[in-house]
Every structure is written in structure tokens, then in C-alpha cells.
Amino acid sequence: MIEIKAPNNPTLSAIVRNSIFLAGSIEQGTAEDWQEKLVEKLKDERHLIIYNPRRENWDPDLEQTMENKTFNEQVVWELERLERATIIPMYFQPGTKSPITLLELGLYAKSDKLIVCCPKGFWRKGNVDIVCRENNIEQVDTIPKLITAVTNKINKPLMSGLPPTELT
């Protein structure tokens, strides 16, 4: 497993079967670091790249405009990795608003990439539940169940029987 954190964009030469984008509550760094839990559980998976948008040095007071170079870089990095990902686990932490995660849910609801974790207590759980139901998105209610669902999807046999591909 290779983890790539924003805003890094290393040149890689690796055999990749799946790539994961960790979409979900960050809330300017105040949400729990659920991404680290998932990365830890997947550390022994082969042929896997994890794109982690949680920056180690994010400034929560950063002006969020297109003109702000750091902010623009972050958003573009996330959009590019979301598009590349084969699996998008998404976590809505109760007590957060997570507007960007809600936006990403809308963007990728029809993609067949999502696995959504939305526990009771998330302020828009009803909306998330309905979007998941209407788009046949797998939904779980705890982080351990999210980890299990991601692991199952990673280890699901390839439909085509093709081997992993090389990423360069």
C-alpha cells in the first residue's frame, strides 16, 4: 500500500489494482482522524494507493478563494484524485457539517465508487440515506464496518480477470 497525502504528487512506478480516495469529515482539522484508522488497517494490502486529502500542515484560517494558491492547489488535487480513485469511502462524522463531503456525495453518487458511513447524529443523515438508497450506494454506520466494506471491495475478484495494471 502506498499512501499519498495532499498536496503531494509523486511520480510512481507501481502495480496498482485499486486506488482509494478518503472522502469525509475533516472540518478544518477538528474532526477525528478517521483516515489514519483506515490507512492503518489497509497497510498490508498489495497493489493499492490511498489518496488522503488531510494535510499535516493545513491552516484553518486560510482564505478559501480560487485566487489563493494553497487553497486552489488543495481543491484541484482532491478533484483529480477523486476522479482517479476506484473506491471512495466516505465518512460523515456526527457533530460536523462536512459541506465538501456532501458535495462529493452528489458528484459521485452515480459512479459506483462510493461506500458511505453516516452514523446517527449527522445533521443531514436523512439526505445522505435517501441519496444512498436512490443510487444503490453501500452504506454502513460505523468506521469498523466502513473498513470491512472497503477491504471486501478491494479483495473482490476482478470481473474481467485481468491482472493489476502498472501505474507510472
Protein backbone atom coordinates (compact mmCIF):
# COMPACT_ATOMS: atom_id res chain seq x y z
CA MET A 1 0.00 0.00 0.00
CA ILE A 2 1.18 3.48 -0.84
CA GLU A 3 -0.36 6.50 0.91
CA ILE A 4 -0.21 9.85 -0.85
CA LYS A 5 -1.24 12.87 1.21
CA ALA A 6 -2.28 16.21 -0.22
CA PRO A 7 -0.71 18.11 -1.89
CA ASN A 8 1.92 15.52 -2.86
CA ASN A 9 2.05 14.23 -6.39
CA PRO A 10 4.97 11.81 -6.58
CA THR A 11 5.99 10.05 -9.74
CA LEU A 12 5.32 6.39 -9.13
CA SER A 13 6.02 3.18 -10.88
CA ALA A 14 3.87 0.60 -9.16
CA ILE A 15 1.46 -2.22 -9.81
CA VAL A 16 -1.99 -0.94 -8.84
CA ARG A 17 -5.28 -2.76 -8.69
CA ASN A 18 -7.25 -0.23 -6.67
CA SER A 19 -6.91 3.38 -5.64
CA ILE A 20 -8.83 4.86 -2.77
CA PHE A 21 -9.74 8.47 -2.07
CA LEU A 22 -10.60 9.08 1.59
CA ALA A 23 -13.60 11.43 1.35
CA GLY A 24 -15.20 12.61 4.53
CA SER A 25 -15.22 14.81 7.57
CA ILE A 26 -12.07 16.80 8.22
CA GLU A 27 -13.80 20.02 9.31
CA GLN A 28 -10.71 22.23 9.10
CA GLY A 29 -8.77 19.66 11.13
CA THR A 30 -11.21 19.38 14.05
CA ALA A 31 -12.83 16.06 13.05
CA GLU A 32 -11.31 12.83 14.28
CA ASP A 33 -8.53 11.43 12.11
CA TRP A 34 -10.62 8.55 10.79
CA GLN A 35 -8.42 8.47 7.69
CA GLU A 36 -5.45 7.26 9.75
CA LYS A 37 -7.53 4.38 11.14
CA LEU A 38 -8.39 3.22 7.63
CA VAL A 39 -4.81 3.62 6.39
CA GLU A 40 -3.52 1.57 9.33
CA LYS A 41 -5.96 -1.27 8.62
CA LEU A 42 -5.04 -1.33 4.92
CA LYS A 43 -1.26 -1.03 5.33
CA ASP A 44 -0.63 -4.65 4.26
CA GLU A 45 -2.81 -4.55 1.14
CA ARG A 46 -0.84 -5.02 -2.06
CA HIS A 47 -1.45 -3.14 -5.29
CA LEU A 48 -3.21 -0.26 -3.54
CA ILE A 49 -2.78 3.51 -3.49
CA ILE A 50 -4.58 5.64 -0.92
CA TYR A 51 -5.13 9.33 -1.62
CA ASN A 52 -5.51 11.14 1.70
CA PRO A 53 -6.68 14.77 1.49
CA ARG A 54 -5.87 15.50 5.15
CA ARG A 55 -2.84 17.81 5.11
CA GLU A 56 -0.47 17.68 8.04
CA ASN A 57 0.02 21.46 7.97
CA TRP A 58 -3.38 22.85 6.96
CA ASP A 59 -4.13 26.43 8.03
CA PRO A 60 -7.81 26.51 9.08
CA ASP A 61 -7.84 30.31 8.62
CA LEU A 62 -6.68 30.09 5.00
CA GLU A 63 -8.72 32.28 2.66
CA GLN A 64 -10.83 29.89 0.59
CA THR A 65 -10.81 31.55 -2.81
CA MET A 66 -9.72 30.48 -6.27
CA GLU A 67 -7.01 33.11 -6.15
CA ASN A 68 -5.41 31.61 -3.05
CA LYS A 69 -2.69 29.34 -4.42
CA THR A 70 -2.66 26.88 -1.48
CA PHE A 71 -6.45 26.54 -1.39
CA ASN A 72 -6.69 26.17 -5.17
CA GLU A 73 -3.95 23.52 -5.14
CA GLN A 74 -5.82 21.53 -2.46
CA VAL A 75 -9.17 21.58 -4.25
CA VAL A 76 -7.68 20.67 -7.64
CA TRP A 77 -5.62 17.87 -6.00
CA GLU A 78 -8.78 16.45 -4.42
CA LEU A 79 -10.84 16.66 -7.63
CA GLU A 80 -8.14 14.90 -9.65
CA ARG A 81 -7.75 12.11 -7.08
CA LEU A 82 -11.49 11.61 -6.73
CA GLU A 83 -11.67 11.07 -10.47
CA ARG A 84 -8.73 8.60 -10.45
CA ALA A 85 -9.99 6.58 -7.49
CA THR A 86 -11.61 3.21 -7.97
CA ILE A 87 -13.10 3.27 -4.44
CA ILE A 88 -14.29 6.27 -2.42
CA PRO A 89 -15.02 5.54 1.24
CA MET A 90 -16.93 8.47 2.67
CA TYR A 91 -17.43 9.26 6.37
CA PHE A 92 -19.89 11.79 7.77
CA GLN A 93 -18.88 12.38 11.39
CA PRO A 94 -21.72 13.34 13.75
CA GLY A 95 -21.24 16.86 15.08
CA THR A 96 -19.70 18.10 11.81
CA LYS A 97 -21.30 19.88 8.86
CA SER A 98 -18.98 18.41 6.18
CA PRO A 99 -20.24 20.52 3.27
CA ILE A 100 -17.50 19.38 0.91
CA THR A 101 -18.24 15.73 1.66
CA LEU A 102 -21.91 16.38 0.87
CA LEU A 103 -20.81 17.96 -2.41
CA GLU A 104 -18.62 14.94 -3.19
CA LEU A 105 -21.53 12.60 -2.42
CA GLY A 106 -23.55 14.42 -5.07
CA LEU A 107 -20.69 14.40 -7.58
CA TYR A 108 -20.03 10.65 -7.25
CA ALA A 109 -23.43 9.21 -6.30
CA LYS A 110 -23.82 7.53 -9.68
CA SER A 111 -20.18 6.43 -10.01
CA ASP A 112 -20.33 3.01 -8.33
CA LYS A 113 -17.20 4.03 -6.36
CA LEU A 114 -18.80 5.04 -3.06
CA ILE A 115 -19.10 3.29 0.29
CA VAL A 116 -20.77 5.65 2.75
CA CYS A 117 -20.59 5.70 6.54
CA CYS A 118 -23.19 8.04 8.06
CA PRO A 119 -23.90 7.31 11.73
CA LYS A 120 -26.91 8.60 13.65
CA GLY A 121 -26.30 12.16 14.73
CA PHE A 122 -25.02 13.54 11.42
CA TRP A 123 -27.11 16.64 10.82
CA ARG A 124 -28.16 15.66 7.27
CA LYS A 125 -28.34 11.90 7.76
CA GLY A 126 -31.79 11.74 6.15
CA ASN A 127 -30.49 13.36 2.98
CA VAL A 128 -27.46 11.05 2.88
CA ASP A 129 -29.64 7.97 3.49
CA ILE A 130 -32.00 8.86 0.64
CA VAL A 131 -29.18 9.61 -1.83
CA CYS A 132 -27.59 6.26 -0.93
CA ARG A 133 -30.88 4.37 -1.27
CA GLU A 134 -31.78 6.00 -4.59
CA ASN A 135 -28.34 5.32 -6.07
CA ASN A 136 -27.78 1.83 -4.59
CA ILE A 137 -24.74 3.03 -2.64
CA GLU A 138 -23.44 0.66 0.02
CA GLN A 139 -23.98 2.28 3.40
CA VAL A 140 -22.68 1.39 6.88
CA ASP A 141 -22.96 3.08 10.27
CA THR A 142 -19.53 2.68 11.92
CA ILE A 143 -15.91 3.16 10.95
CA PRO A 144 -15.07 -0.52 11.61
CA LYS A 145 -17.88 -1.51 9.22
CA LEU A 146 -16.56 1.01 6.69
CA ILE A 147 -13.11 -0.58 6.93
CA THR A 148 -14.64 -4.04 6.40
CA ALA A 149 -16.66 -2.86 3.40
CA VAL A 150 -13.58 -1.27 1.82
CA THR A 151 -11.50 -4.40 2.44
CA ASN A 152 -14.22 -6.56 0.87
CA LYS A 153 -14.35 -4.32 -2.19
CA ILE A 154 -10.55 -4.34 -2.53
CA ASN A 155 -10.47 -8.13 -2.36
CA LYS A 156 -13.42 -8.68 -4.68
CA PRO A 157 -12.32 -10.67 -7.74
CA LEU A 158 -11.88 -8.63 -10.88
CA MET A 159 -14.81 -9.12 -13.25
CA SER A 160 -12.57 -9.23 -16.28
CA GLY A 161 -9.96 -11.48 -14.74
CA LEU A 162 -7.32 -9.01 -15.82
CA PRO A 163 -4.23 -8.62 -13.63
CA PRO A 164 -3.42 -5.37 -11.82
CA THR A 165 -2.18 -2.56 -14.04
CA GLU A 166 1.08 -0.67 -13.87
CA LEU A 167 0.91 2.96 -12.78
CA THR A 168 3.70 5.20 -13.98
